[in-house]
Amino acid sequence: VDGNVEPTRNRRDYSDPAAGDIVSNVGKLVLGNTAFTTGNSVFVVPEDDIAQDRVNLVDGIQHSGGGILDFQVADLPVGGSVQVVLPQAVPLPNVPIYRKFTEANGWFPFSATSGNALASAKRVAGICPDPGDVAYDSPVDGSGNTILVAGDDCIRVTIVDGGSMDGDSVRNGVVFDPGTAASDGPVPVGPGDV
């Protein structure tokens, strides 16, 4: 995976050409620690790999089925931010949220504050828009926090190096993000329910 000639682009899952590319606007995109240490050559990791020797895995929130994506972006300006597009295997569910995992906190909702942000969009001709594309919606809730849109199949996360959404919380030019889409609302029951 790290041999990619485009440091800001890597295939989500090399066994599935339709899976799409994970793309960052800056830095070098590489496998996250869990994906790397478990011998995965793809960014999608099984929940069991994330849960190994960790706490708070089962907390009643249903992950969307789009997979847990484990990546890091290196070579960032210290304290800077990065936008990363995450193609989803399935459309976002009703009341979609993005969840992060850290060893210290287990699973928790992504907080779109202090420079961290979320946006979503639909694929065009099977491809997610690049990070800076205007196709990304960023509607806000009553508190002014950005939210995701049910039915979209691309998520763009903006993560500040050393901020609360950086998996290591250290200003070191690298952001870590094991995370996944989930539903914070009713679970879909039929094909017409996103």
C-alpha atoms as a PDB file:
ATOM      1  CA  VAL A   1       0.000   0.000   0.000  1.00  0.00           C
ATOM      2  CA  ASP A   2       2.790   2.424   0.901  1.00  0.00           C
ATOM      3  CA  GLY A   3       4.374   1.978  -2.552  1.00  0.00           C
ATOM      4  CA  ASN A   4       1.664   4.064  -4.196  1.00  0.00           C
ATOM      5  CA  VAL A   5       3.142   6.707  -6.510  1.00  0.00           C
ATOM      6  CA  GLU A   6       0.519   9.236  -5.352  1.00  0.00           C
ATOM      7  CA  PRO A   7       1.199   9.763  -1.636  1.00  0.00           C
ATOM      8  CA  THR A   8      -2.225  11.341  -1.068  1.00  0.00           C
ATOM      9  CA  ARG A   9      -4.240   8.508  -2.669  1.00  0.00           C
ATOM     10  CA  ASN A  10      -4.636   4.819  -1.843  1.00  0.00           C
ATOM     11  CA  ARG A  11      -7.191   2.131  -2.686  1.00  0.00           C
ATOM     12  CA  ARG A  12      -9.683   1.533   0.145  1.00  0.00           C
ATOM     13  CA  ASP A  13      -9.573  -2.208  -0.499  1.00  0.00           C
ATOM     14  CA  TYR A  14      -7.300  -3.650  -3.192  1.00  0.00           C
ATOM     15  CA  SER A  15      -9.435  -6.811  -3.470  1.00  0.00           C
ATOM     16  CA  ASP A  16     -12.396  -4.665  -4.592  1.00  0.00           C
ATOM     17  CA  PRO A  17     -11.639  -2.251  -7.471  1.00  0.00           C
ATOM     18  CA  ALA A  18     -15.062  -0.607  -7.038  1.00  0.00           C
ATOM     19  CA  ALA A  19     -14.303   0.288  -3.396  1.00  0.00           C
ATOM     20  CA  GLY A  20     -12.772   3.608  -4.383  1.00  0.00           C
ATOM     21  CA  ASP A  21      -9.763   5.549  -3.176  1.00  0.00           C
ATOM     22  CA  ILE A  22      -9.078   7.132   0.182  1.00  0.00           C
ATOM     23  CA  VAL A  23      -7.685  10.558  -0.698  1.00  0.00           C
ATOM     24  CA  SER A  24      -6.059  13.286   1.412  1.00  0.00           C
ATOM     25  CA  ASN A  25      -5.476  16.872   0.338  1.00  0.00           C
ATOM     26  CA  VAL A  26      -1.930  16.960   1.803  1.00  0.00           C
ATOM     27  CA  GLY A  27       0.656  14.680   3.392  1.00  0.00           C
ATOM     28  CA  LYS A  28       1.360  10.990   2.916  1.00  0.00           C
ATOM     29  CA  LEU A  29      -1.568   8.594   3.363  1.00  0.00           C
ATOM     30  CA  VAL A  30      -0.587   5.210   4.862  1.00  0.00           C
ATOM     31  CA  LEU A  31      -2.141   2.290   6.728  1.00  0.00           C
ATOM     32  CA  GLY A  32      -3.130   2.972  10.321  1.00  0.00           C
ATOM     33  CA  ASN A  33      -1.393   1.194  13.181  1.00  0.00           C
ATOM     34  CA  THR A  34      -3.996  -1.567  13.597  1.00  0.00           C
ATOM     35  CA  ALA A  35      -4.165  -2.318   9.873  1.00  0.00           C
ATOM     36  CA  PHE A  36      -0.374  -2.394   9.690  1.00  0.00           C
ATOM     37  CA  THR A  37       0.305  -4.494  12.819  1.00  0.00           C
ATOM     38  CA  THR A  38      -2.380  -7.070  11.972  1.00  0.00           C
ATOM     39  CA  GLY A  39      -0.839  -7.585   8.555  1.00  0.00           C
ATOM     40  CA  ASN A  40      -3.664  -6.036   6.552  1.00  0.00           C
ATOM     41  CA  SER A  41      -2.746  -4.596   3.197  1.00  0.00           C
ATOM     42  CA  VAL A  42      -6.025  -2.659   3.075  1.00  0.00           C
ATOM     43  CA  PHE A  43      -7.451   0.229   5.079  1.00  0.00           C
ATOM     44  CA  VAL A  44     -10.581  -1.690   6.121  1.00  0.00           C
ATOM     45  CA  VAL A  45     -10.043  -3.573   9.379  1.00  0.00           C
ATOM     46  CA  PRO A  46     -12.353  -6.016  11.159  1.00  0.00           C
ATOM     47  CA  GLU A  47     -13.968  -4.723  14.342  1.00  0.00           C
ATOM     48  CA  ASP A  48     -12.314  -7.595  16.215  1.00  0.00           C
ATOM     49  CA  ASP A  49      -8.862  -6.236  15.280  1.00  0.00           C
ATOM     50  CA  ILE A  50      -9.758  -2.822  16.710  1.00  0.00           C
ATOM     51  CA  ALA A  51     -11.271  -4.438  19.811  1.00  0.00           C
ATOM     52  CA  GLN A  52      -8.309  -6.625  20.618  1.00  0.00           C
ATOM     53  CA  ASP A  53      -7.150  -5.704  24.146  1.00  0.00           C
ATOM     54  CA  ARG A  54      -9.304  -2.561  24.105  1.00  0.00           C
ATOM     55  CA  VAL A  55     -12.372  -1.344  25.984  1.00  0.00           C
ATOM     56  CA  ASN A  56     -15.810   0.078  25.157  1.00  0.00           C
ATOM     57  CA  LEU A  57     -16.276  -1.724  21.847  1.00  0.00           C
ATOM     58  CA  VAL A  58     -19.893  -2.702  22.409  1.00  0.00           C
ATOM     59  CA  ASP A  59     -21.833   0.399  23.399  1.00  0.00           C
ATOM     60  CA  GLY A  60     -25.175   0.006  21.665  1.00  0.00           C
ATOM     61  CA  ILE A  61     -24.378   2.138  18.580  1.00  0.00           C
ATOM     62  CA  GLN A  62     -24.733   0.247  15.306  1.00  0.00           C
ATOM     63  CA  HIS A  63     -21.936   0.742  12.806  1.00  0.00           C
ATOM     64  CA  SER A  64     -23.239   1.246   9.267  1.00  0.00           C
ATOM     65  CA  GLY A  65     -21.697  -1.804   7.643  1.00  0.00           C
ATOM     66  CA  GLY A  66     -19.360   0.380   5.616  1.00  0.00           C
ATOM     67  CA  GLY A  67     -16.320  -0.907   7.463  1.00  0.00           C
ATOM     68  CA  ILE A  68     -13.836   0.501   9.941  1.00  0.00           C
ATOM     69  CA  LEU A  69     -11.190   2.494   8.097  1.00  0.00           C
ATOM     70  CA  ASP A  70      -7.781   2.715   9.736  1.00  0.00           C
ATOM     71  CA  PHE A  71      -5.396   5.270   8.259  1.00  0.00           C
ATOM     72  CA  GLN A  72      -2.816   7.847   9.153  1.00  0.00           C
ATOM     73  CA  VAL A  73      -1.565  10.872   7.282  1.00  0.00           C
ATOM     74  CA  ALA A  74       2.087  11.816   7.818  1.00  0.00           C
ATOM     75  CA  ASP A  75       4.273  14.675   6.588  1.00  0.00           C
ATOM     76  CA  LEU A  76       1.783  17.362   7.670  1.00  0.00           C
ATOM     77  CA  PRO A  77       2.793  20.772   8.980  1.00  0.00           C
ATOM     78  CA  VAL A  78       2.930  20.405  12.774  1.00  0.00           C
ATOM     79  CA  GLY A  79      -0.426  21.551  14.153  1.00  0.00           C
ATOM     80  CA  GLY A  80      -1.908  21.765  10.645  1.00  0.00           C
ATOM     81  CA  SER A  81      -4.990  20.003   9.356  1.00  0.00           C
ATOM     82  CA  VAL A  82      -5.792  17.467   6.676  1.00  0.00           C
ATOM     83  CA  GLN A  83      -8.953  16.650   4.736  1.00  0.00           C
ATOM     84  CA  VAL A  84      -9.441  12.959   3.954  1.00  0.00           C
ATOM     85  CA  VAL A  85     -12.158  11.466   1.745  1.00  0.00           C
ATOM     86  CA  LEU A  86     -13.406   8.070   2.883  1.00  0.00           C
ATOM     87  CA  PRO A  87     -15.461   6.103   0.338  1.00  0.00           C
ATOM     88  CA  GLN A  88     -18.167   4.079   2.058  1.00  0.00           C
ATOM     89  CA  ALA A  89     -19.077   0.493   1.130  1.00  0.00           C
ATOM     90  CA  VAL A  90     -22.760   1.281   1.733  1.00  0.00           C
ATOM     91  CA  PRO A  91     -24.708   4.567   1.764  1.00  0.00           C
ATOM     92  CA  LEU A  92     -24.803   6.438   5.059  1.00  0.00           C
ATOM     93  CA  PRO A  93     -27.700   5.305   7.288  1.00  0.00           C
ATOM     94  CA  ASN A  94     -30.490   7.355   8.856  1.00  0.00           C
ATOM     95  CA  VAL A  95     -29.123   9.901  11.354  1.00  0.00           C
ATOM     96  CA  PRO A  96     -25.516   9.216  10.299  1.00  0.00           C
ATOM     97  CA  ILE A  97     -22.575   9.975  12.538  1.00  0.00           C
ATOM     98  CA  TYR A  98     -18.852   9.314  12.260  1.00  0.00           C
ATOM     99  CA  ARG A  99     -17.244   7.520  15.172  1.00  0.00           C
ATOM    100  CA  LYS A 100     -13.607   7.415  16.194  1.00  0.00           C
ATOM    101  CA  PHE A 101     -11.693   4.936  18.288  1.00  0.00           C
ATOM    102  CA  THR A 102      -8.813   5.530  20.668  1.00  0.00           C
ATOM    103  CA  GLU A 103      -7.393   3.154  23.227  1.00  0.00           C
ATOM    104  CA  ALA A 104      -7.993   5.733  25.948  1.00  0.00           C
ATOM    105  CA  ASN A 105     -11.650   6.484  25.098  1.00  0.00           C
ATOM    106  CA  GLY A 106     -12.966   3.510  23.112  1.00  0.00           C
ATOM    107  CA  TRP A 107     -15.620   4.521  20.536  1.00  0.00           C
ATOM    108  CA  PHE A 108     -16.935   8.088  20.594  1.00  0.00           C
ATOM    109  CA  PRO A 109     -18.664  10.464  18.144  1.00  0.00           C
ATOM    110  CA  PHE A 110     -16.501  12.684  15.958  1.00  0.00           C
ATOM    111  CA  SER A 111     -16.703  16.253  17.224  1.00  0.00           C
ATOM    112  CA  ALA A 112     -16.836  18.839  14.458  1.00  0.00           C
ATOM    113  CA  THR A 113     -15.290  21.620  16.546  1.00  0.00           C
ATOM    114  CA  SER A 114     -11.946  23.419  16.872  1.00  0.00           C
ATOM    115  CA  GLY A 115     -11.091  23.051  13.183  1.00  0.00           C
ATOM    116  CA  ASN A 116     -12.245  19.423  12.912  1.00  0.00           C
ATOM    117  CA  ALA A 117     -15.108  18.958  10.450  1.00  0.00           C
ATOM    118  CA  LEU A 118     -17.306  16.442   8.658  1.00  0.00           C
ATOM    119  CA  ALA A 119     -18.974  16.599   5.259  1.00  0.00           C
ATOM    120  CA  SER A 120     -20.516  14.080   2.909  1.00  0.00           C
ATOM    121  CA  ALA A 121     -21.288  13.715  -0.784  1.00  0.00           C
ATOM    122  CA  LYS A 122     -22.451  11.174  -3.329  1.00  0.00           C
ATOM    123  CA  ARG A 123     -20.127   9.416  -5.748  1.00  0.00           C
ATOM    124  CA  VAL A 124     -20.174  10.632  -9.326  1.00  0.00           C
ATOM    125  CA  ALA A 125     -19.635   7.860 -11.897  1.00  0.00           C
ATOM    126  CA  GLY A 126     -18.515   5.598  -9.021  1.00  0.00           C
ATOM    127  CA  ILE A 127     -15.859   8.017  -7.722  1.00  0.00           C
ATOM    128  CA  CYS A 128     -15.907  10.167  -4.579  1.00  0.00           C
ATOM    129  CA  PRO A 129     -15.210  13.857  -5.174  1.00  0.00           C
ATOM    130  CA  ASP A 130     -11.699  14.958  -4.176  1.00  0.00           C
ATOM    131  CA  PRO A 131     -11.283  16.624  -0.759  1.00  0.00           C
ATOM    132  CA  GLY A 132     -11.622  20.239  -1.957  1.00  0.00           C
ATOM    133  CA  ASP A 133     -14.625  19.624  -4.212  1.00  0.00           C
ATOM    134  CA  VAL A 134     -17.716  21.797  -3.649  1.00  0.00           C
ATOM    135  CA  ALA A 135     -19.918  18.685  -3.902  1.00  0.00           C
ATOM    136  CA  TYR A 136     -19.536  18.110  -0.167  1.00  0.00           C
ATOM    137  CA  ASP A 137     -22.553  19.156   1.860  1.00  0.00           C
ATOM    138  CA  SER A 138     -21.902  20.592   5.266  1.00  0.00           C
ATOM    139  CA  PRO A 139     -25.337  21.192   6.782  1.00  0.00           C
ATOM    140  CA  VAL A 140     -25.239  22.128  10.449  1.00  0.00           C
ATOM    141  CA  ASP A 141     -27.369  21.084  13.398  1.00  0.00           C
ATOM    142  CA  GLY A 142     -28.952  23.471  15.901  1.00  0.00           C
ATOM    143  CA  SER A 143     -25.619  23.860  17.679  1.00  0.00           C
ATOM    144  CA  GLY A 144     -23.766  24.789  14.509  1.00  0.00           C
ATOM    145  CA  ASN A 145     -21.939  21.451  14.244  1.00  0.00           C
ATOM    146  CA  THR A 146     -21.602  19.934  10.785  1.00  0.00           C
ATOM    147  CA  ILE A 147     -23.554  16.740  10.141  1.00  0.00           C
ATOM    148  CA  LEU A 148     -23.536  13.965   7.562  1.00  0.00           C
ATOM    149  CA  VAL A 149     -26.346  13.307   5.052  1.00  0.00           C
ATOM    150  CA  ALA A 150     -28.169   9.947   4.931  1.00  0.00           C
ATOM    151  CA  GLY A 151     -27.769   8.259   1.544  1.00  0.00           C
ATOM    152  CA  ASP A 152     -24.405   9.852   0.705  1.00  0.00           C
ATOM    153  CA  ASP A 153     -21.556   7.381   0.185  1.00  0.00           C
ATOM    154  CA  CYS A 154     -18.459   9.552   0.647  1.00  0.00           C
ATOM    155  CA  ILE A 155     -17.332  11.129   3.928  1.00  0.00           C
ATOM    156  CA  ARG A 156     -14.788  13.923   4.157  1.00  0.00           C
ATOM    157  CA  VAL A 157     -13.171  14.304   7.573  1.00  0.00           C
ATOM    158  CA  THR A 158     -11.026  17.300   8.464  1.00  0.00           C
ATOM    159  CA  ILE A 159      -8.663  16.521  11.342  1.00  0.00           C
ATOM    160  CA  VAL A 160      -6.331  18.931  13.130  1.00  0.00           C
ATOM    161  CA  ASP A 161      -2.911  17.511  14.037  1.00  0.00           C
ATOM    162  CA  GLY A 162      -2.730  17.266  17.830  1.00  0.00           C
ATOM    163  CA  GLY A 163      -6.417  18.129  18.216  1.00  0.00           C
ATOM    164  CA  SER A 164      -9.143  16.167  19.942  1.00  0.00           C
ATOM    165  CA  MET A 165      -9.942  14.124  16.797  1.00  0.00           C
ATOM    166  CA  ASP A 166      -6.311  13.169  16.093  1.00  0.00           C
ATOM    167  CA  GLY A 167      -5.949   9.600  17.381  1.00  0.00           C
ATOM    168  CA  ASP A 168      -2.668  10.342  19.177  1.00  0.00           C
ATOM    169  CA  SER A 169      -3.607  13.910  20.267  1.00  0.00           C
ATOM    170  CA  VAL A 170       0.023  14.944  19.708  1.00  0.00           C
ATOM    171  CA  ARG A 171       1.160  17.873  17.542  1.00  0.00           C
ATOM    172  CA  ASN A 172       3.685  15.880  15.524  1.00  0.00           C
ATOM    173  CA  GLY A 173       2.764  16.231  11.839  1.00  0.00           C
ATOM    174  CA  VAL A 174       0.836  12.936  11.806  1.00  0.00           C
ATOM    175  CA  VAL A 175      -2.892  12.293  12.291  1.00  0.00           C
ATOM    176  CA  PHE A 176      -4.317   8.881  13.208  1.00  0.00           C
ATOM    177  CA  ASP A 177      -7.909   7.861  12.537  1.00  0.00           C
ATOM    178  CA  PRO A 178      -9.455   4.519  13.067  1.00  0.00           C
ATOM    179  CA  GLY A 179     -13.123   5.354  12.495  1.00  0.00           C
ATOM    180  CA  THR A 180     -16.421   4.323  10.951  1.00  0.00           C
ATOM    181  CA  ALA A 181     -19.825   5.609   9.962  1.00  0.00           C
ATOM    182  CA  ALA A 182     -22.679   4.652  12.260  1.00  0.00           C
ATOM    183  CA  SER A 183     -26.310   5.446  12.932  1.00  0.00           C
ATOM    184  CA  ASP A 184     -27.437   7.512  15.883  1.00  0.00           C
ATOM    185  CA  GLY A 185     -31.083   6.858  15.077  1.00  0.00           C
ATOM    186  CA  PRO A 186     -33.541   4.131  14.115  1.00  0.00           C
ATOM    187  CA  VAL A 187     -32.058   1.157  12.312  1.00  0.00           C
ATOM    188  CA  PRO A 188     -33.282   0.777   8.683  1.00  0.00           C
ATOM    189  CA  VAL A 189     -35.664  -2.133   8.170  1.00  0.00           C
ATOM    190  CA  GLY A 190     -36.227  -2.196   4.421  1.00  0.00           C
ATOM    191  CA  PRO A 191     -34.652  -1.258   1.103  1.00  0.00           C
ATOM    192  CA  GLY A 192     -36.471   2.092   1.058  1.00  0.00           C
ATOM    193  CA  ASP A 193     -34.961   3.046   4.411  1.00  0.00           C
ATOM    194  CA  VAL A 194     -31.462   4.496   4.055  1.00  0.00           C
END
